[in-house]
Amino acid sequence: MENLTKVLLAEDDKNLGTILKAYLEAKGFPTTLCGDGQEALEKFKREEFNFCVLDVMMPVMDGFTLAAEIRKLDKKVPMLFLTAKAMHEDKLKGFELGADDYLSKPFSMEELLLRMKAILRRSAEDTVRTTTFKIGSYSFDYNRQLLVRNNIENKLTSKESELLRLLCENMNSVLDRSVALNKIWYDDSYFNARSMDVYITKLRKYFKDDPEIELMNVHGVGFKLLVNN
């Protein structure tokens, strides 16, 4: 599991960050080091990471704000906070933001590694993303980019497949517009938003023959793939 785990490390202490990166990579965890929260957020938007190690006190964007932004993009990625603070309120805040664990400085490298491995074991099932979905009378195979109903196949484009996968993962719940834009287009600009609207219209047409399926616009928020079955 470990050698498949790509780590995002956000730590503004350059010396500590460099040491942590070298240690984790020596243990088989490819690690990207960022010196502030904003840089880490931009990296997360553009690359796939399987684990986040976030310092709480950072310039530009602190670890708590970074965690909240990451959770908008990925609700399941394992997350561990590093902090010089030991206040009970800070730990509660971290867990409320979706942290899996909390490690106070100073700490040993071995303890960090053991905690990371424990978190990865617990979340192993959640980190495996589903690639096939049942949508009313349709079946969707993400890997093959196929949407099938009554043995009739529709070959989807890459963007259609990515968008439909996100909608399926949030089926009957709202998919935030900015999350979809950042995950697929890596930017939530006006131009990309208009492009996504075009793809939503295309997906809606694929489902027109099943009245139990509705691809809804949720005004000012995003989209909802509603399946009544």
Protein backbone atom coordinates (compact mmCIF):
# COMPACT_ATOMS: atom_id res chain seq x y z
CA MET A 1 0.00 0.00 0.00
CA GLU A 2 2.73 2.44 1.05
CA ASN A 3 4.61 2.60 -2.22
CA LEU A 4 1.36 3.60 -3.97
CA THR A 5 0.70 6.41 -1.50
CA LYS A 6 1.57 9.90 -2.71
CA VAL A 7 1.87 12.39 0.16
CA LEU A 8 1.20 16.12 0.18
CA LEU A 9 3.33 17.66 2.94
CA ALA A 10 2.59 21.27 3.89
CA GLU A 11 5.22 22.57 6.33
CA ASP A 12 6.63 26.10 6.48
CA ASP A 13 9.71 25.12 8.52
CA LYS A 14 12.09 24.47 5.63
CA ASN A 15 14.52 22.32 7.62
CA LEU A 16 11.82 20.15 9.17
CA GLY A 17 9.98 19.87 5.85
CA THR A 18 13.12 18.76 4.03
CA ILE A 19 13.90 16.15 6.69
CA LEU A 20 10.32 14.83 6.70
CA LYS A 21 10.23 14.61 2.91
CA ALA A 22 13.54 12.70 2.79
CA TYR A 23 12.39 10.32 5.55
CA LEU A 24 9.00 9.58 3.99
CA GLU A 25 10.51 9.00 0.56
CA ALA A 26 13.12 6.68 2.08
CA LYS A 27 10.18 4.71 3.52
CA GLY A 28 8.51 4.45 0.11
CA PHE A 29 6.12 7.42 0.18
CA PRO A 30 6.60 9.82 -2.78
CA THR A 31 6.23 13.24 -1.14
CA THR A 32 5.57 16.75 -2.44
CA LEU A 33 6.69 19.49 -0.03
CA CYS A 34 4.98 22.90 0.03
CA GLY A 35 6.03 25.82 2.20
CA ASP A 36 2.61 27.40 2.70
CA GLY A 37 -1.06 26.51 2.56
CA GLN A 38 -1.85 28.28 -0.69
CA GLU A 39 0.93 26.49 -2.55
CA ALA A 40 -0.28 23.18 -1.11
CA LEU A 41 -3.86 23.87 -2.20
CA GLU A 42 -2.76 24.61 -5.77
CA LYS A 43 -0.76 21.38 -5.83
CA PHE A 44 -3.75 19.42 -4.55
CA LYS A 45 -5.96 20.86 -7.28
CA ARG A 46 -3.56 19.75 -10.01
CA GLU A 47 -2.27 16.40 -8.77
CA GLU A 48 -3.66 13.26 -7.15
CA PHE A 49 -2.58 12.72 -3.54
CA ASN A 50 -3.41 9.80 -1.26
CA PHE A 51 -2.42 11.38 2.07
CA CYS A 52 -2.06 14.91 3.47
CA VAL A 53 0.30 15.92 6.28
CA LEU A 54 -0.52 19.53 7.18
CA ASP A 55 1.20 21.90 9.56
CA VAL A 56 -1.34 24.08 11.35
CA MET A 57 0.66 27.33 11.62
CA MET A 58 1.68 28.39 8.11
CA PRO A 59 1.89 31.70 6.23
CA VAL A 60 -0.51 32.76 3.44
CA MET A 61 -3.03 30.04 4.37
CA ASP A 62 -3.02 28.16 7.68
CA GLY A 63 -3.47 24.42 7.98
CA PHE A 64 -7.07 24.58 9.19
CA THR A 65 -8.13 26.73 6.21
CA LEU A 66 -6.18 24.47 3.86
CA ALA A 67 -7.91 21.39 5.29
CA ALA A 68 -11.33 22.96 4.79
CA GLU A 69 -10.49 23.75 1.15
CA ILE A 70 -9.13 20.24 0.55
CA ARG A 71 -12.30 18.73 2.01
CA LYS A 72 -14.33 20.65 -0.58
CA LEU A 73 -12.33 18.86 -3.27
CA ASP A 74 -11.98 15.45 -1.68
CA LYS A 75 -14.05 14.31 1.29
CA LYS A 76 -12.08 11.12 1.90
CA VAL A 77 -8.34 11.76 1.48
CA PRO A 78 -6.59 10.83 4.77
CA MET A 79 -5.30 13.87 6.65
CA LEU A 80 -2.95 14.32 9.61
CA PHE A 81 -2.17 17.64 11.34
CA LEU A 82 1.24 18.64 12.66
CA THR A 83 1.23 21.40 15.26
CA ALA A 84 3.23 23.08 17.97
CA LYS A 85 -0.09 23.73 19.71
CA ALA A 86 -1.45 21.24 22.20
CA MET A 87 -4.67 23.02 23.11
CA HIS A 88 -7.76 20.83 23.36
CA GLU A 89 -9.82 23.35 21.32
CA ASP A 90 -7.35 23.22 18.43
CA LYS A 91 -7.47 19.44 18.31
CA LEU A 92 -11.25 19.49 18.29
CA LYS A 93 -11.21 21.99 15.44
CA GLY A 94 -8.87 19.76 13.46
CA PHE A 95 -11.09 16.72 13.89
CA GLU A 96 -14.18 18.75 12.99
CA LEU A 97 -12.47 19.61 9.70
CA GLY A 98 -12.06 15.93 8.92
CA ALA A 99 -8.57 15.18 10.21
CA ASP A 100 -7.78 11.53 10.88
CA ASP A 101 -5.09 12.25 13.47
CA TYR A 102 -3.16 15.01 15.21
CA LEU A 103 0.57 14.96 16.10
CA SER A 104 2.08 17.60 18.40
CA LYS A 105 5.64 18.86 17.90
CA PRO A 106 8.20 17.72 18.73
CA PHE A 107 7.56 14.19 17.50
CA SER A 108 9.60 11.25 16.26
CA MET A 109 9.69 10.30 12.59
CA GLU A 110 8.86 6.73 13.57
CA GLU A 111 5.68 7.81 15.36
CA LEU A 112 4.57 9.84 12.34
CA LEU A 113 5.12 6.85 10.06
CA LEU A 114 3.24 4.47 12.37
CA ARG A 115 0.29 6.87 12.64
CA MET A 116 0.19 7.29 8.86
CA LYS A 117 0.21 3.53 8.32
CA ALA A 118 -2.59 3.07 10.87
CA ILE A 119 -4.71 5.71 9.13
CA LEU A 120 -4.07 4.12 5.73
CA ARG A 121 -5.11 0.71 7.00
CA ARG A 122 -8.36 2.14 8.36
CA SER A 123 -9.17 4.04 5.20
CA ALA A 124 -8.00 1.44 2.66
CA GLU A 125 -11.52 0.54 1.56
CA ASP A 126 -12.59 4.18 1.25
CA THR A 127 -9.63 5.18 -0.91
CA VAL A 128 -10.48 2.68 -3.63
CA ARG A 129 -12.70 4.64 -5.98
CA THR A 130 -15.60 2.83 -7.62
CA THR A 131 -15.39 2.62 -11.41
CA THR A 132 -18.77 1.09 -12.27
CA PHE A 133 -22.12 2.60 -11.38
CA LYS A 134 -25.81 1.77 -11.69
CA ILE A 135 -27.85 4.84 -12.66
CA GLY A 136 -31.52 3.94 -12.95
CA SER A 137 -31.81 1.74 -16.06
CA TYR A 138 -28.28 2.67 -17.15
CA SER A 139 -24.90 1.24 -16.26
CA PHE A 140 -21.77 3.38 -16.39
CA ASP A 141 -18.26 1.97 -16.79
CA TYR A 142 -15.81 4.78 -16.04
CA ASN A 143 -12.69 2.91 -17.18
CA ARG A 144 -14.23 2.08 -20.57
CA GLN A 145 -16.05 5.44 -20.78
CA LEU A 146 -19.28 3.63 -21.63
CA LEU A 147 -22.86 4.43 -20.67
CA VAL A 148 -25.15 1.49 -21.49
CA ARG A 149 -28.94 1.03 -21.54
CA ASN A 150 -30.80 -1.90 -23.14
CA ASN A 151 -27.55 -3.06 -24.77
CA ILE A 152 -27.16 0.32 -26.49
CA GLU A 153 -23.74 1.81 -25.79
CA ASN A 154 -22.83 5.47 -25.67
CA LYS A 155 -19.11 6.17 -25.78
CA LEU A 156 -18.37 9.16 -23.57
CA THR A 157 -15.54 11.67 -23.87
CA SER A 158 -12.95 11.92 -21.12
CA LYS A 159 -14.52 15.09 -19.71
CA GLU A 160 -18.01 13.54 -19.81
CA SER A 161 -16.71 10.48 -17.98
CA GLU A 162 -14.91 12.51 -15.32
CA LEU A 163 -17.96 14.67 -14.71
CA LEU A 164 -20.37 11.73 -14.62
CA ARG A 165 -18.13 9.89 -12.17
CA LEU A 166 -18.21 12.84 -9.77
CA LEU A 167 -21.99 13.06 -10.13
CA CYS A 168 -22.33 9.33 -9.43
CA GLU A 169 -20.08 9.56 -6.37
CA ASN A 170 -22.44 12.26 -5.10
CA MET A 171 -25.65 10.65 -6.38
CA ASN A 172 -28.80 12.18 -4.85
CA SER A 173 -26.59 14.82 -3.21
CA VAL A 174 -25.35 18.16 -4.50
CA LEU A 175 -22.04 18.23 -6.37
CA ASP A 176 -20.51 21.64 -5.71
CA ARG A 177 -19.77 23.48 -8.96
CA SER A 178 -16.35 24.70 -7.81
CA VAL A 179 -15.33 21.19 -6.74
CA ALA A 180 -16.12 19.77 -10.19
CA LEU A 181 -14.33 22.63 -11.94
CA ASN A 182 -11.19 22.29 -9.86
CA LYS A 183 -11.11 18.50 -10.09
CA ILE A 184 -11.67 18.30 -13.86
CA TRP A 185 -10.65 21.66 -15.33
CA TYR A 186 -8.18 22.60 -12.53
CA ASP A 187 -9.67 26.09 -12.43
CA ASP A 188 -13.10 27.55 -11.64
CA SER A 189 -12.98 30.42 -14.12
CA TYR A 190 -16.07 31.74 -15.89
CA PHE A 191 -14.96 30.23 -19.21
CA ASN A 192 -14.53 26.76 -17.70
CA ALA A 193 -17.87 27.07 -15.90
CA ARG A 194 -19.60 27.69 -19.24
CA SER A 195 -17.77 24.70 -20.70
CA MET A 196 -18.98 22.50 -17.84
CA ASP A 197 -22.56 23.65 -18.43
CA VAL A 198 -22.25 22.35 -21.99
CA TYR A 199 -21.14 18.94 -20.70
CA ILE A 200 -24.00 18.87 -18.19
CA THR A 201 -26.42 19.45 -21.09
CA LYS A 202 -24.82 16.59 -23.03
CA LEU A 203 -25.09 14.23 -20.06
CA ARG A 204 -28.70 15.24 -19.53
CA LYS A 205 -29.51 14.17 -23.11
CA TYR A 206 -28.04 10.71 -22.51
CA PHE A 207 -30.58 10.14 -19.72
CA LYS A 208 -33.66 11.49 -21.51
CA ASP A 209 -35.19 8.03 -22.01
CA ASP A 210 -35.40 7.25 -18.29
CA PRO A 211 -37.95 9.47 -16.48
CA GLU A 212 -36.62 8.29 -13.11
CA ILE A 213 -33.35 10.15 -13.69
CA GLU A 214 -33.02 13.90 -13.36
CA LEU A 215 -29.81 15.92 -13.67
CA MET A 216 -30.72 19.07 -11.78
CA ASN A 217 -29.17 22.52 -11.57
CA VAL A 218 -29.04 23.65 -7.95
CA HIS A 219 -28.99 27.41 -8.35
CA GLY A 220 -25.83 29.06 -7.05
CA VAL A 221 -24.41 25.78 -5.74
CA GLY A 222 -23.95 23.05 -8.32
CA PHE A 223 -25.67 19.97 -9.70
CA LYS A 224 -27.53 16.93 -8.43
CA LEU A 225 -27.92 13.57 -10.18
CA LEU A 226 -31.28 12.50 -8.79
CA VAL A 227 -32.33 8.88 -9.30
CA ASN A 228 -35.84 7.92 -8.15
CA ASN A 229 -35.77 4.18 -7.71
